[in-house]
Structures are given as structure tokens and as C-alpha cells.
Amino acid sequence: MHYDLIIIGAGSAGLPAAMYASRYKISNLVIGELPGGALATSHQVENWPGVLSASGKDIMDTFAKHAETSGSTILQDRVATITGSRGDFTVTTQGGKVFTSHFVLLATGNKYRHLGVPGEDRLIGSGVSYCATCDGNFFKGKTVGMVGGGDAAITEALYLADLCAHVHVLVRGDRLRAEDIWVEQIQKRTNVTLHFQKKVAEIRGEWNVEDVLFEDGESLRLDGIFVAIGSDPDTKL
């Protein structure tokens, strides 16, 4: 099937781009592996103008509905190949679908930063996670760590505090960098412990996360560890 424009990425960049394209009568297809993008995994958003408080998924569902109502088509799939050149592109998805378009717009968002320490990559999915709203339910009643001191880390730690027996927030600096409103909330939680000047050196465990080793030689027993230390543009495609 042919479109004027194919947008790769169904997040907070791709969906508005689709909406505007439709308003200009540019036929368009949005292809995204994660509906709503990374923002859809945020359990609570309170800094979106006009919305006092809502989940990231609710906000992004509205983005998608707005794009579709404007005339855009959204496909949940992953792009496998792009061939051709300006004015004549062919886009093939991993699901085996083939589309052509005059133009391709990349709106692929960000990817989570990793700590880059021993044990991290090996234990991804076995106690190491980068998304509390995605994986938090697996740790109900357990003890977990959250690496990071910014808004993302603290808001996710608040989410985990509602599920887990205890949450250890591991901050490599000497203070939290999150907005004051989040700092105030996390400090009120009785099942959250803040650790400052703690840099993770290794994540240990044979089959699942068992503990973390810090650069100062101390260790902390954990059932799981979440990492929220920022993201980088996902331009790998």
C-alpha cells in the first residue's frame, strides 16, 4: 500500500507529526513497536499542561486517537528494512508487510542508558529492568533498588513503593536532582531508603539478581534493580 509519508515511531513525536500531516491532507502511516512510545510507560504525569494528573498511557492513548481521528493510520510493528531514495521508498516490517511512500520520517525516540557494569546485561529480565511500570508487578512484596536521582528515577521509585516491601534509591551524587514535589513525596515514604554517593560497580546473582556491589566495597541484598539514569536518541535504525 502506498502513502505520501511513513512515520517510524508511535510516541510523543511520531503521533503529533502524523496528526499534522493528516491535517495537511498528507496520507500517512505510523509504524511503532511500542504504542505511545516511552511516555506510555510512565505511571503518572503531572507536568503536561491542561492535565492535572494522568498516566502516561492515558495521555498517549489520546495522542493516538487524535492522530487517527485526523486521518492517520497506526500500525504496531517493527520496521525491518528501508530501501529506495527520496520520493520512492519501500518499507518492510518484521511482520512481513510492505509499504511504499514518497517520504520517511524517523521519530524513534530514546533508548534507556545502561550502567555498563558486570552482570547488568546478563541479568536483564532476571531482576534488572529499565521500566518500573512494565515490570514492577513482578516484585510485589519484595525488596528492590532504583538507580538514579532525577525525575524518572524518583517517580518510578514512588510507583514501586506502592508495590514492594522496600525500595532502596541509589544515588551516585550527594543529592536528588528531581523536582521538589517528587523529593517531598519520596521523603515521606516509610518503605523507601535514600542512599547517597553510592555508585553500583556490579550486579550479582547466578540466575536472578541477588545483590549489588558498590564501588566503596559495600553490598546490598536486592530481589531486583531498576535503572533510570537517562536516555539517548535511538538513531540505530
Protein backbone atom coordinates (compact mmCIF):
# COMPACT_ATOMS: atom_id res chain seq x y z
CA MET A 1 0.00 0.00 0.00
CA HIS A 2 1.26 3.48 -0.80
CA TYR A 3 1.35 6.56 1.47
CA ASP A 4 2.71 10.03 0.98
CA LEU A 5 4.56 9.71 4.28
CA ILE A 6 5.60 6.85 6.58
CA ILE A 7 6.44 7.81 10.15
CA ILE A 8 8.57 5.38 12.12
CA GLY A 9 7.85 5.72 15.82
CA ALA A 10 4.49 5.90 17.62
CA GLY A 11 5.44 8.11 20.54
CA SER A 12 5.12 11.75 21.53
CA ALA A 13 6.99 12.85 18.38
CA GLY A 14 5.59 10.47 15.79
CA LEU A 15 1.90 10.79 16.67
CA PRO A 16 1.74 14.61 16.57
CA ALA A 17 3.69 14.51 13.30
CA ALA A 18 1.03 12.17 11.92
CA MET A 19 -1.78 14.41 13.16
CA TYR A 20 -0.28 17.47 11.47
CA ALA A 21 0.41 15.53 8.27
CA SER A 22 -3.23 14.43 8.14
CA ARG A 23 -4.42 17.98 8.68
CA TYR A 24 -2.38 18.98 5.61
CA LYS A 25 -4.02 16.13 3.67
CA ILE A 26 -0.76 14.16 3.53
CA SER A 27 -1.67 10.48 3.68
CA ASN A 28 0.44 8.84 6.34
CA LEU A 29 1.17 5.61 8.16
CA VAL A 30 2.69 5.41 11.64
CA ILE A 31 4.69 2.27 12.40
CA GLY A 32 5.67 1.77 16.03
CA GLU A 33 6.77 -1.19 18.10
CA LEU A 34 5.69 0.38 21.39
CA PRO A 35 2.29 2.12 21.15
CA GLY A 36 2.63 5.53 22.76
CA GLY A 37 6.40 5.27 23.00
CA ALA A 38 8.37 5.56 26.23
CA LEU A 39 5.93 8.06 27.75
CA ALA A 40 3.23 5.39 27.75
CA THR A 41 5.22 3.52 30.43
CA SER A 42 5.10 6.46 32.89
CA HIS A 43 2.66 5.64 35.68
CA GLN A 44 1.92 9.30 36.47
CA VAL A 45 2.41 12.55 34.56
CA GLU A 46 1.72 15.85 36.32
CA ASN A 47 3.56 18.39 34.16
CA TRP A 48 1.53 18.13 30.96
CA PRO A 49 -0.27 21.50 30.56
CA GLY A 50 -4.01 21.18 30.78
CA VAL A 51 -3.93 17.81 32.56
CA LEU A 52 -3.51 17.91 36.33
CA SER A 53 -2.55 14.25 36.63
CA ALA A 54 -2.83 11.23 34.35
CA SER A 55 -0.97 8.09 33.46
CA GLY A 56 1.40 8.24 30.52
CA LYS A 57 -0.68 5.58 28.79
CA ASP A 58 -3.87 7.65 29.04
CA ILE A 59 -2.11 10.69 27.59
CA MET A 60 -0.60 8.72 24.71
CA ASP A 61 -3.88 6.94 24.01
CA THR A 62 -5.33 10.42 23.46
CA PHE A 63 -2.42 11.27 21.14
CA ALA A 64 -3.16 8.14 19.10
CA LYS A 65 -6.89 8.82 18.96
CA HIS A 66 -6.23 12.40 17.84
CA ALA A 67 -3.95 11.19 15.02
CA GLU A 68 -6.42 8.52 13.90
CA THR A 69 -9.36 10.93 14.04
CA SER A 70 -7.37 13.31 11.85
CA GLY A 71 -6.92 10.53 9.28
CA SER A 72 -3.67 8.77 10.18
CA THR A 73 -3.20 5.01 10.18
CA ILE A 74 -1.26 3.41 13.05
CA LEU A 75 0.39 0.00 12.82
CA GLN A 76 2.01 -1.80 15.76
CA ASP A 77 5.03 -3.47 14.19
CA ARG A 78 8.77 -3.01 13.85
CA VAL A 79 10.47 -1.78 10.69
CA ALA A 80 12.92 -4.31 9.28
CA THR A 81 14.24 -2.55 6.18
CA ILE A 82 14.00 0.74 4.32
CA THR A 83 15.13 0.84 0.70
CA GLY A 84 15.00 3.40 -2.06
CA SER A 85 15.57 7.12 -2.03
CA ARG A 86 13.73 10.43 -1.86
CA GLY A 87 10.34 10.15 -3.47
CA ASP A 88 10.40 6.36 -3.77
CA PHE A 89 10.85 4.44 -0.52
CA THR A 90 9.90 0.87 0.30
CA VAL A 91 9.44 -0.01 3.97
CA THR A 92 9.21 -3.63 5.10
CA THR A 93 8.17 -4.63 8.63
CA GLN A 94 9.15 -7.63 10.70
CA GLY A 95 5.54 -8.74 10.39
CA GLY A 96 6.10 -9.12 6.65
CA LYS A 97 4.10 -6.11 5.50
CA VAL A 98 5.41 -3.92 2.67
CA PHE A 99 4.57 -0.25 2.12
CA THR A 100 5.78 2.44 -0.25
CA SER A 101 5.97 6.18 0.34
CA HIS A 102 7.35 9.42 -1.02
CA PHE A 103 8.98 10.29 2.31
CA VAL A 104 10.04 8.59 5.56
CA LEU A 105 10.18 10.44 8.87
CA LEU A 106 12.18 8.93 11.75
CA ALA A 107 10.66 9.62 15.16
CA THR A 108 12.27 6.73 17.00
CA GLY A 109 12.60 8.42 20.39
CA ASN A 110 15.11 7.45 23.02
CA LYS A 111 16.66 4.32 24.44
CA TYR A 112 17.44 3.73 28.09
CA ARG A 113 21.00 4.26 29.27
CA HIS A 114 22.68 1.27 30.88
CA LEU A 115 25.05 1.29 33.83
CA GLY A 116 27.66 -0.67 31.90
CA VAL A 117 28.65 -2.81 34.89
CA PRO A 118 29.30 -6.56 35.11
CA GLY A 119 26.15 -8.64 35.49
CA GLU A 120 23.81 -5.99 34.09
CA ASP A 121 23.23 -7.29 30.58
CA ARG A 122 23.30 -10.92 31.72
CA LEU A 123 20.51 -10.37 34.24
CA ILE A 124 18.20 -8.20 32.12
CA GLY A 125 14.79 -9.80 32.51
CA SER A 126 16.00 -11.70 35.56
CA GLY A 127 15.86 -8.85 38.03
CA VAL A 128 17.35 -5.99 36.00
CA SER A 129 14.77 -3.64 34.48
CA TYR A 130 14.56 -0.15 33.00
CA CYS A 131 10.80 0.28 33.35
CA ALA A 132 9.04 0.14 36.72
CA THR A 133 5.54 0.29 35.25
CA CYS A 134 6.41 -2.56 32.89
CA ASP A 135 7.97 -4.91 35.43
CA GLY A 136 7.03 -3.62 38.88
CA ASN A 137 4.28 -6.19 39.40
CA PHE A 138 6.87 -8.98 39.32
CA PHE A 139 8.35 -7.60 42.56
CA LYS A 140 5.27 -7.24 44.74
CA GLY A 141 6.24 -7.62 48.39
CA LYS A 142 9.94 -7.78 47.57
CA THR A 143 12.96 -5.51 48.09
CA VAL A 144 14.26 -3.63 45.08
CA GLY A 145 16.74 -0.93 44.18
CA MET A 146 16.25 2.12 41.96
CA VAL A 147 19.39 3.65 40.44
CA GLY A 148 19.13 7.36 39.72
CA GLY A 149 18.25 10.65 41.36
CA GLY A 150 16.29 12.51 38.69
CA ASP A 151 12.58 12.84 37.97
CA ALA A 152 12.32 9.50 36.18
CA ALA A 153 14.01 7.57 38.97
CA ILE A 154 12.03 9.18 41.79
CA THR A 155 8.63 8.93 40.12
CA GLU A 156 9.29 5.27 39.36
CA ALA A 157 10.50 4.71 42.93
CA LEU A 158 7.19 6.14 44.17
CA TYR A 159 5.35 3.70 41.94
CA LEU A 160 7.44 0.80 43.23
CA ALA A 161 6.88 1.88 46.83
CA ASP A 162 3.18 1.08 46.36
CA LEU A 163 4.05 -2.46 45.31
CA CYS A 164 7.25 -3.51 47.05
CA ALA A 165 8.12 -4.18 50.67
CA HIS A 166 11.06 -1.79 50.45
CA VAL A 167 12.72 0.40 47.83
CA HIS A 168 16.36 1.49 48.04
CA VAL A 169 17.10 4.57 45.93
CA LEU A 170 20.76 4.52 44.92
CA VAL A 171 22.14 7.95 44.02
CA ARG A 172 25.72 8.40 42.89
CA GLY A 173 25.73 12.11 43.84
CA ASP A 174 25.10 13.82 47.17
CA ARG A 175 21.52 14.95 46.47
CA LEU A 176 18.38 14.23 44.48
CA ARG A 177 18.00 16.13 41.21
CA ALA A 178 14.25 15.58 40.87
CA GLU A 179 11.63 18.31 41.13
CA ASP A 180 10.93 19.39 44.71
CA ILE A 181 7.41 17.98 44.61
CA TRP A 182 8.78 14.48 43.93
CA VAL A 183 11.52 14.86 46.54
CA GLU A 184 8.95 15.78 49.17
CA GLN A 185 6.81 12.77 48.30
CA ILE A 186 9.66 10.25 48.32
CA GLN A 187 10.93 11.52 51.67
CA LYS A 188 7.54 10.82 53.24
CA ARG A 189 7.54 7.15 52.24
CA THR A 190 8.40 4.93 55.19
CA ASN A 191 9.41 2.00 52.98
CA VAL A 192 11.94 3.98 50.93
CA THR A 193 15.58 4.44 51.88
CA LEU A 194 17.74 7.02 50.12
CA HIS A 195 21.43 6.16 49.65
CA PHE A 196 23.76 8.94 48.50
CA GLN A 197 27.22 8.71 46.93
CA LYS A 198 26.60 5.08 46.06
CA LYS A 199 27.83 4.00 42.64
CA VAL A 200 26.98 0.48 41.50
CA ALA A 201 30.07 -1.50 40.47
CA GLU A 202 28.48 -4.88 39.83
CA ILE A 203 25.09 -6.59 39.83
CA ARG A 204 25.41 -10.11 41.20
CA GLY A 205 23.37 -13.28 41.10
CA GLU A 206 23.57 -16.66 39.41
CA TRP A 207 20.12 -16.86 37.84
CA ASN A 208 18.43 -13.77 39.27
CA VAL A 209 19.57 -10.57 40.94
CA GLU A 210 20.75 -11.32 44.48
CA ASP A 211 22.71 -8.21 45.46
CA VAL A 212 24.66 -5.24 44.17
CA LEU A 213 28.26 -4.35 44.90
CA PHE A 214 29.18 -0.67 45.24
CA GLU A 215 32.48 0.95 44.33
CA ASP A 216 33.18 1.57 48.03
CA GLY A 217 33.15 -2.19 48.64
CA GLU A 218 29.79 -2.35 50.41
CA SER A 219 26.97 -4.52 49.10
CA LEU A 220 23.18 -4.55 49.37
CA ARG A 221 20.87 -7.53 49.01
CA LEU A 222 18.09 -6.96 46.48
CA ASP A 223 15.49 -9.03 44.67
CA GLY A 224 15.64 -6.71 41.67
CA ILE A 225 17.14 -3.48 40.46
CA PHE A 226 15.65 -0.76 38.26
CA VAL A 227 17.81 1.70 36.33
CA ALA A 228 16.64 5.22 35.45
CA ILE A 229 19.72 7.26 34.60
CA GLY A 230 18.51 8.96 31.45
CA SER A 231 18.24 8.09 27.79
CA ASP A 232 19.89 8.75 24.46
CA PRO A 233 18.41 9.35 20.98
CA ASP A 234 17.64 5.97 19.40
CA THR A 235 19.17 6.54 15.97
CA LYS A 236 20.36 2.97 15.50
CA LEU A 237 17.83 2.30 12.74
